[in-house]
């Protein structure tokens, strides 16, 4: 093999080693970011002081795009929105 090719091969090996090092660093940084995000989410959730069962209801309602349940009322049942298509008068007893 010529010196030129040997030199290029050496540079390739060096670049591959540097690439592997950078990929490891990137993986570690992404892991640290995820851990920091998770800790931030946990701190936010804990600051709200909602029991776990009610928190699950709130998150489920949020995921479905529904109104948030009223926490701690009506036996932990989610608050219901009035039906916009319902023309009945709630005060009408007929």
Protein backbone atom coordinates (compact mmCIF):
# COMPACT_ATOMS: atom_id res chain seq x y z
CA UNK A 1 0.00 0.00 0.00
CA UNK A 2 1.22 3.48 -0.72
CA UNK A 3 1.96 6.02 1.98
CA UNK A 4 -0.91 8.17 0.76
CA UNK A 5 -3.45 5.37 1.25
CA UNK A 6 -1.96 4.45 4.65
CA UNK A 7 -2.24 8.06 5.74
CA UNK A 8 -5.90 8.20 4.62
CA UNK A 9 -6.60 4.91 6.43
CA UNK A 10 -5.08 6.33 9.61
CA UNK A 11 -7.25 9.44 9.31
CA UNK A 12 -10.32 7.24 8.80
CA UNK A 13 -9.56 5.26 11.97
CA UNK A 14 -9.00 8.49 13.88
CA UNK A 15 -12.25 10.02 12.57
CA UNK A 16 -14.23 6.87 13.41
CA UNK A 17 -12.88 6.90 16.97
CA UNK A 18 -13.77 10.58 17.34
CA UNK A 19 -17.24 9.91 15.89
CA UNK A 20 -17.85 7.08 18.38
CA UNK A 21 -16.79 9.38 21.21
CA UNK A 22 -19.14 12.13 20.04
CA UNK A 23 -22.02 9.67 19.61
CA UNK A 24 -21.49 8.48 23.20
CA UNK A 25 -21.44 12.08 24.41
CA UNK A 26 -24.63 12.84 22.48
CA UNK A 27 -26.37 9.77 23.93
CA UNK A 28 -25.36 10.81 27.45
CA UNK A 29 -26.54 14.37 26.92
CA UNK A 30 -29.92 13.19 25.62
CA UNK A 31 -30.27 10.91 28.61
CA UNK A 32 -29.45 13.76 31.01
CA UNK A 33 -31.97 16.01 29.25
CA UNK A 34 -34.71 13.37 29.55
CA UNK A 35 -33.90 12.89 33.25
CA UNK A 36 -34.03 16.66 33.85
CA UNK A 37 -37.37 16.92 32.01
CA UNK A 38 -38.79 14.04 34.04
CA UNK A 39 -37.67 15.62 37.32
CA UNK A 40 -39.25 18.93 36.26
CA UNK A 41 -42.54 17.20 35.40
CA UNK A 42 -42.54 15.36 38.72
CA UNK A 43 -41.93 18.61 40.60
CA UNK A 44 -44.80 20.31 38.77
CA UNK A 45 -47.19 17.42 39.42
CA UNK A 46 -46.24 17.24 43.10
CA UNK A 47 -46.72 21.00 43.52
CA UNK A 48 -50.38 20.63 42.50
CA UNK A 49 -51.11 18.28 45.45
CA UNK A 50 -53.67 16.16 43.62
CA UNK A 51 -54.29 12.60 44.76
CA UNK A 52 -53.06 10.03 42.26
CA UNK A 53 -56.54 8.87 41.28
CA UNK A 54 -57.68 12.42 40.55
CA UNK A 55 -54.46 13.18 38.70
CA UNK A 56 -55.16 10.22 36.42
CA UNK A 57 -58.65 11.64 35.70
CA UNK A 58 -57.23 15.08 34.92
CA UNK A 59 -54.61 13.68 32.57
CA UNK A 60 -57.13 11.41 30.85
CA UNK A 61 -59.50 14.34 30.31
CA UNK A 62 -56.65 16.48 29.01
CA UNK A 63 -55.55 13.74 26.61
CA UNK A 64 -59.07 13.45 25.25
CA UNK A 65 -59.38 17.22 24.87
CA UNK A 66 -62.25 17.38 27.34
CA UNK A 67 -62.84 19.90 30.09
CA UNK A 68 -60.88 19.21 33.22
CA UNK A 69 -62.78 17.45 35.98
CA UNK A 70 -63.54 19.47 39.06
CA UNK A 71 -61.17 18.05 41.63
CA UNK A 72 -62.50 16.90 44.99
CA UNK A 73 -66.20 17.34 44.29
CA UNK A 74 -69.15 15.13 43.44
CA UNK A 75 -67.45 11.94 44.54
CA UNK A 76 -64.49 12.32 42.19
CA UNK A 77 -66.72 12.32 39.12
CA UNK A 78 -65.54 14.58 36.30
CA UNK A 79 -67.50 17.76 35.80
CA UNK A 80 -69.77 17.47 32.81
CA UNK A 81 -70.22 20.18 30.26
CA UNK A 82 -73.80 21.01 29.34
CA UNK A 83 -74.84 19.52 26.03
CA UNK A 84 -74.82 22.40 23.51
CA UNK A 85 -77.46 20.57 21.44
CA UNK A 86 -79.81 20.16 24.41
CA UNK A 87 -82.67 22.66 24.05
CA UNK A 88 -84.41 21.68 27.31
CA UNK A 89 -84.65 24.19 30.08
CA UNK A 90 -83.08 22.76 33.27
CA UNK A 91 -85.51 24.83 35.35
CA UNK A 92 -88.55 23.50 33.48
CA UNK A 93 -90.13 20.70 35.55
CA UNK A 94 -92.56 19.51 32.84
